[in-house]
């Protein structure tokens, strides 16, 4: 059975107040994040954090892509100004200042490394 060379994936979820991994690049694939945005459905400004996570030499390295970005009420913020490459085993996580009002959307192209 042949493996897919390119796979498009879409992720949607409500951003919580605890860090949540929404994507990990599978073994043998590189993920390319094409779109990443958050919408504030609430009536108050809430903050959003978006992190890249990698384990190197047994230690977790967490790099903020966006840290405590203020998203005004009834507004949407793009979290990336371009594409982001996520190597096999690396992951992306989100965290918000409110558990119900921030909705997250991401589009990822996974391409085979084989």
N, C-alpha and C. Protein backbone atom coordinates (compact mmCIF):
# COMPACT_ATOMS: atom_id res chain seq x y z
N UNK A 1 0.85 -1.18 0.00
CA UNK A 1 0.00 0.00 0.00
C UNK A 1 0.90 1.24 0.00
N UNK A 2 0.63 2.16 -0.89
CA UNK A 2 1.42 3.39 -1.00
C UNK A 2 1.02 4.38 0.10
N UNK A 3 2.00 5.12 0.59
CA UNK A 3 1.69 6.16 1.57
C UNK A 3 1.40 7.47 0.85
N UNK A 4 0.59 8.29 1.47
CA UNK A 4 0.27 9.59 0.89
C UNK A 4 1.51 10.49 0.93
N UNK A 5 1.78 11.16 -0.17
CA UNK A 5 2.92 12.07 -0.23
C UNK A 5 2.56 13.39 0.44
N UNK A 6 1.36 13.89 0.17
CA UNK A 6 0.89 15.15 0.76
C UNK A 6 -0.48 14.94 1.38
N UNK A 7 -0.65 15.43 2.60
CA UNK A 7 -1.92 15.32 3.31
C UNK A 7 -2.25 16.69 3.88
N UNK A 8 -3.43 17.21 3.55
CA UNK A 8 -3.89 18.48 4.13
C UNK A 8 -4.73 18.18 5.37
N UNK A 9 -4.48 18.94 6.44
CA UNK A 9 -5.22 18.75 7.70
C UNK A 9 -5.68 20.11 8.21
N UNK A 10 -6.87 20.12 8.80
CA UNK A 10 -7.41 21.32 9.42
C UNK A 10 -7.68 21.03 10.88
N UNK A 11 -7.30 21.97 11.74
CA UNK A 11 -7.50 21.84 13.19
C UNK A 11 -8.36 23.00 13.68
N UNK A 12 -9.37 22.69 14.46
CA UNK A 12 -10.18 23.73 15.09
C UNK A 12 -10.41 23.32 16.54
N UNK A 13 -10.38 24.29 17.42
CA UNK A 13 -10.69 24.01 18.82
C UNK A 13 -10.84 25.30 19.59
N UNK A 14 -11.52 25.20 20.71
CA UNK A 14 -11.60 26.32 21.64
C UNK A 14 -10.30 26.35 22.43
N UNK A 15 -9.71 27.52 22.53
CA UNK A 15 -8.44 27.67 23.26
C UNK A 15 -8.74 27.63 24.75
N UNK A 16 -8.01 26.83 25.49
CA UNK A 16 -8.21 26.73 26.93
C UNK A 16 -7.18 27.54 27.71
N UNK A 17 -7.33 27.53 29.01
CA UNK A 17 -6.41 28.25 29.88
C UNK A 17 -5.21 27.40 30.29
N UNK A 18 -5.18 26.15 29.84
CA UNK A 18 -4.01 25.28 30.03
C UNK A 18 -3.41 25.02 28.66
N UNK A 19 -2.09 24.94 28.58
CA UNK A 19 -1.41 24.70 27.31
C UNK A 19 -1.89 23.39 26.70
N UNK A 20 -2.22 23.43 25.40
CA UNK A 20 -2.75 22.27 24.72
C UNK A 20 -2.02 22.08 23.39
N UNK A 21 -1.44 20.89 23.19
CA UNK A 21 -0.79 20.57 21.92
C UNK A 21 -1.89 20.24 20.92
N UNK A 22 -1.93 20.97 19.81
CA UNK A 22 -2.94 20.69 18.80
C UNK A 22 -2.35 19.95 17.60
N UNK A 23 -1.01 19.96 17.45
CA UNK A 23 -0.41 19.28 16.31
C UNK A 23 0.99 18.79 16.65
N UNK A 24 1.27 17.56 16.25
CA UNK A 24 2.62 17.00 16.30
C UNK A 24 2.91 16.40 14.93
N UNK A 25 4.01 16.79 14.30
CA UNK A 25 4.36 16.26 12.98
C UNK A 25 4.67 14.77 13.12
N UNK A 26 3.98 13.94 12.35
CA UNK A 26 4.21 12.50 12.45
C UNK A 26 5.59 12.07 11.95
N UNK A 27 6.01 10.92 12.38
CA UNK A 27 7.28 10.36 11.93
C UNK A 27 7.24 10.20 10.41
N UNK A 28 8.29 10.65 9.75
CA UNK A 28 8.38 10.53 8.30
C UNK A 28 7.71 11.67 7.54
N UNK A 29 7.17 12.64 8.25
CA UNK A 29 6.49 13.78 7.61
C UNK A 29 7.00 15.09 8.17
N UNK A 30 6.95 16.11 7.35
CA UNK A 30 7.17 17.48 7.78
C UNK A 30 5.86 18.21 7.60
N UNK A 31 5.45 18.96 8.63
CA UNK A 31 4.23 19.75 8.53
C UNK A 31 4.57 21.18 8.14
N UNK A 32 3.77 21.73 7.25
CA UNK A 32 3.91 23.13 6.87
C UNK A 32 2.60 23.82 7.26
N UNK A 33 2.68 24.71 8.23
CA UNK A 33 1.49 25.43 8.68
C UNK A 33 1.22 26.54 7.67
N UNK A 34 0.06 26.45 7.03
CA UNK A 34 -0.32 27.40 5.99
C UNK A 34 -1.12 28.56 6.56
N UNK A 35 -1.89 28.28 7.61
CA UNK A 35 -2.75 29.29 8.23
C UNK A 35 -2.87 28.97 9.71
N UNK A 36 -2.86 30.01 10.52
CA UNK A 36 -3.06 29.86 11.96
C UNK A 36 -3.70 31.14 12.46
N UNK A 37 -4.92 31.04 12.96
CA UNK A 37 -5.60 32.24 13.43
C UNK A 37 -6.48 31.94 14.63
N UNK A 38 -6.80 33.00 15.35
CA UNK A 38 -7.67 32.89 16.53
C UNK A 38 -8.74 33.98 16.43
N UNK A 39 -9.95 33.62 16.81
CA UNK A 39 -11.06 34.56 16.81
C UNK A 39 -11.58 34.71 18.24
N UNK A 40 -11.77 35.95 18.67
CA UNK A 40 -12.32 36.23 19.99
C UNK A 40 -13.81 36.47 19.84
N UNK A 41 -14.62 35.54 20.32
CA UNK A 41 -16.07 35.64 20.22
C UNK A 41 -16.68 36.37 21.41
N UNK A 42 -15.86 36.74 22.37
CA UNK A 42 -16.33 37.36 23.60
C UNK A 42 -16.49 38.87 23.48
N UNK A 43 -16.85 39.47 24.61
CA UNK A 43 -17.08 40.92 24.67
C UNK A 43 -15.93 41.66 25.35
N UNK A 44 -14.87 40.91 25.73
CA UNK A 44 -13.69 41.52 26.35
C UNK A 44 -12.44 41.06 25.60
N UNK A 45 -11.36 41.83 25.69
CA UNK A 45 -10.08 41.44 25.09
C UNK A 45 -9.50 40.26 25.86
N UNK A 46 -8.99 39.26 25.10
CA UNK A 46 -8.34 38.09 25.71
C UNK A 46 -6.98 37.90 25.04
N UNK A 47 -6.07 37.24 25.74
CA UNK A 47 -4.71 37.01 25.23
C UNK A 47 -4.54 35.60 24.73
N UNK A 48 -3.63 35.46 23.75
CA UNK A 48 -3.37 34.18 23.10
C UNK A 48 -1.86 33.95 23.02
N UNK A 49 -1.42 32.72 23.32
CA UNK A 49 -0.02 32.33 23.18
C UNK A 49 0.05 31.10 22.29
N UNK A 50 1.02 31.09 21.37
CA UNK A 50 1.20 30.04 20.37
C UNK A 50 2.67 29.64 20.43
N UNK A 51 2.97 28.35 20.74
CA UNK A 51 4.35 27.89 20.96
C UNK A 51 4.76 26.76 20.03
N UNK A 52 6.06 26.74 19.71
CA UNK A 52 6.70 25.64 18.98
C UNK A 52 7.47 24.83 20.02
N UNK A 53 7.30 23.48 19.99
CA UNK A 53 7.96 22.63 20.98
C UNK A 53 8.82 21.58 20.27
N UNK A 54 10.04 21.44 20.79
CA UNK A 54 10.98 20.45 20.25
C UNK A 54 11.77 19.86 21.41
N UNK A 55 12.04 18.56 21.34
CA UNK A 55 12.90 17.92 22.33
C UNK A 55 14.27 17.72 21.71
N UNK A 56 15.28 18.27 22.38
CA UNK A 56 16.66 18.15 21.91
C UNK A 56 17.53 17.74 23.09
N UNK A 57 18.33 16.69 22.90
CA UNK A 57 19.21 16.18 23.95
C UNK A 57 18.44 15.89 25.23
N UNK A 58 17.22 15.38 25.10
CA UNK A 58 16.41 15.01 26.25
C UNK A 58 15.72 16.16 26.96
N UNK A 59 15.87 17.38 26.45
CA UNK A 59 15.24 18.55 27.08
C UNK A 59 14.20 19.16 26.15
N UNK A 60 13.06 19.54 26.72
CA UNK A 60 12.02 20.21 25.96
C UNK A 60 12.40 21.67 25.77
N UNK A 61 12.40 22.11 24.52
CA UNK A 61 12.65 23.50 24.19
C UNK A 61 11.34 24.07 23.66
N UNK A 62 10.82 25.07 24.34
CA UNK A 62 9.55 25.68 23.95
C UNK A 62 9.82 27.11 23.49
N UNK A 63 9.50 27.39 22.23
CA UNK A 63 9.77 28.69 21.64
C UNK A 63 8.45 29.39 21.35
N UNK A 64 8.21 30.55 21.96
CA UNK A 64 6.99 31.28 21.66
C UNK A 64 7.02 31.84 20.23
N UNK A 65 5.94 31.62 19.50
CA UNK A 65 5.75 32.23 18.19
C UNK A 65 5.00 33.54 18.39
N UNK A 66 3.98 33.47 19.22
CA UNK A 66 3.20 34.64 19.65
C UNK A 66 3.01 34.48 21.14
N UNK A 67 3.32 35.50 21.93
CA UNK A 67 3.18 35.41 23.38
C UNK A 67 2.26 36.52 23.89
N UNK A 68 1.18 36.10 24.55
CA UNK A 68 0.22 37.02 25.16
C UNK A 68 -0.29 38.08 24.18
N UNK A 69 -0.62 37.64 22.97
CA UNK A 69 -1.18 38.54 21.97
C UNK A 69 -2.59 38.93 22.37
N UNK A 70 -2.85 40.22 22.50
CA UNK A 70 -4.18 40.71 22.85
C UNK A 70 -5.08 40.66 21.63
N UNK A 71 -6.21 39.95 21.76
CA UNK A 71 -7.18 39.84 20.68
C UNK A 71 -8.44 40.59 21.13
N UNK A 72 -8.78 41.70 20.48
CA UNK A 72 -9.95 42.48 20.87
C UNK A 72 -11.25 41.69 20.69
N UNK A 73 -12.30 42.11 21.38
CA UNK A 73 -13.59 41.41 21.23
C UNK A 73 -14.08 41.46 19.79
N UNK A 74 -14.72 40.37 19.37
CA UNK A 74 -15.29 40.24 18.03
C UNK A 74 -14.27 40.51 16.93
N UNK A 75 -13.02 40.05 17.14
CA UNK A 75 -11.96 40.26 16.17
C UNK A 75 -11.20 38.96 15.94
N UNK A 76 -10.45 38.90 14.85
CA UNK A 76 -9.63 37.74 14.50
C UNK A 76 -8.19 38.19 14.33
N UNK A 77 -7.25 37.37 14.81
CA UNK A 77 -5.82 37.67 14.67
C UNK A 77 -5.14 36.53 13.94
N UNK A 78 -4.32 36.87 12.94
CA UNK A 78 -3.48 35.88 12.28
C UNK A 78 -2.23 35.70 13.14
N UNK A 79 -1.88 34.45 13.43
CA UNK A 79 -0.77 34.17 14.33
C UNK A 79 0.55 33.97 13.60
N UNK A 80 0.51 33.84 12.27
CA UNK A 80 1.71 33.69 11.46
C UNK A 80 1.65 34.67 10.30
N UNK A 81 2.80 35.25 9.98
CA UNK A 81 2.84 36.15 8.82
C UNK A 81 3.29 35.41 7.57
N UNK A 82 3.70 34.16 7.73
CA UNK A 82 4.14 33.35 6.60
C UNK A 82 3.95 31.88 6.94
N UNK A 83 4.67 31.01 6.28
CA UNK A 83 4.58 29.57 6.53
C UNK A 83 5.50 29.19 7.69
N UNK A 84 5.15 28.10 8.37
CA UNK A 84 5.97 27.58 9.46
C UNK A 84 6.21 26.09 9.22
N UNK A 85 7.47 25.66 9.20
CA UNK A 85 7.84 24.26 9.01
C UNK A 85 7.94 23.60 10.38
N UNK A 86 7.27 22.45 10.52
CA UNK A 86 7.29 21.68 11.76
C UNK A 86 7.90 20.32 11.42
N UNK A 87 9.08 20.06 11.96
CA UNK A 87 9.79 18.83 11.65
C UNK A 87 9.21 17.65 12.42
N UNK A 88 9.46 16.43 11.92
CA UNK A 88 8.95 15.21 12.55
C UNK A 88 9.19 15.21 14.05
N UNK A 89 8.14 14.95 14.82
CA UNK A 89 8.23 14.87 16.28
C UNK A 89 8.07 16.20 16.99
N UNK A 90 8.21 17.31 16.27
CA UNK A 90 8.00 18.63 16.89
C UNK A 90 6.51 18.91 16.97
N UNK A 91 6.12 19.81 17.87
CA UNK A 91 4.69 20.07 18.06
C UNK A 91 4.40 21.55 18.24
N UNK A 92 3.12 21.87 18.15
CA UNK A 92 2.63 23.23 18.32
C UNK A 92 1.55 23.22 19.40
N UNK A 93 1.58 24.24 20.26
CA UNK A 93 0.59 24.31 21.33
C UNK A 93 0.00 25.71 21.41
N UNK A 94 -1.19 25.78 22.03
CA UNK A 94 -1.89 27.05 22.21
C UNK A 94 -2.33 27.18 23.66
N UNK A 95 -2.50 28.42 24.07
CA UNK A 95 -2.89 28.75 25.44
C UNK A 95 -3.58 30.10 25.41
N UNK A 96 -4.67 30.23 26.14
CA UNK A 96 -5.39 31.50 26.17
C UNK A 96 -5.65 31.98 27.58
N UNK A 97 -6.13 33.21 27.67
CA UNK A 97 -6.44 33.80 28.98
C UNK A 97 -7.90 33.58 29.35
N UNK A 98 -8.66 32.90 28.47
CA UNK A 98 -10.07 32.64 28.69
C UNK A 98 -10.36 31.24 28.15
N UNK A 99 -11.23 30.50 28.82
CA UNK A 99 -11.46 29.10 28.44
C UNK A 99 -12.62 28.90 27.47
N UNK A 100 -13.33 29.96 27.09
CA UNK A 100 -14.50 29.76 26.24
C UNK A 100 -14.60 30.67 25.03
N UNK A 101 -13.95 31.82 25.03
CA UNK A 101 -14.20 32.83 24.00
C UNK A 101 -13.25 32.81 22.82
N UNK A 102 -12.11 32.13 22.93
CA UNK A 102 -11.13 32.13 21.85
C UNK A 102 -11.24 30.85 21.03
N UNK A 103 -11.51 31.00 19.73
CA UNK A 103 -11.58 29.85 18.83
C UNK A 103 -10.38 29.87 17.90
N UNK A 104 -9.74 28.71 17.76
CA UNK A 104 -8.49 28.57 17.01
C UNK A 104 -8.74 27.76 15.74
N UNK A 105 -8.04 28.13 14.67
CA UNK A 105 -8.11 27.43 13.40
C UNK A 105 -6.72 27.36 12.79
N UNK A 106 -6.33 26.18 12.31
CA UNK A 106 -5.03 26.02 11.64
C UNK A 106 -5.18 25.08 10.47
N UNK A 107 -4.41 25.34 9.43
CA UNK A 107 -4.36 24.50 8.25
C UNK A 107 -2.92 24.05 8.06
N UNK A 108 -2.71 22.73 7.95
CA UNK A 108 -1.35 22.17 7.88
C UNK A 108 -1.25 21.23 6.67
N UNK A 109 -0.18 21.40 5.91
CA UNK A 109 0.15 20.46 4.83
C UNK A 109 1.25 19.56 5.35
N UNK A 110 0.96 18.26 5.41
CA UNK A 110 1.97 17.29 5.79
C UNK A 110 2.55 16.68 4.51
N UNK A 111 3.87 16.72 4.39
CA UNK A 111 4.52 16.18 3.20
C UNK A 111 5.53 15.10 3.62
N UNK A 112 5.55 14.02 2.88
CA UNK A 112 6.38 12.87 3.23
C UNK A 112 7.86 13.19 3.08
N UNK A 113 8.64 12.71 4.03
CA UNK A 113 10.10 12.84 3.98
C UNK A 113 10.74 11.63 3.30
N UNK A 114 9.93 10.65 2.95
CA UNK A 114 10.47 9.40 2.39
C UNK A 114 10.69 9.47 0.91
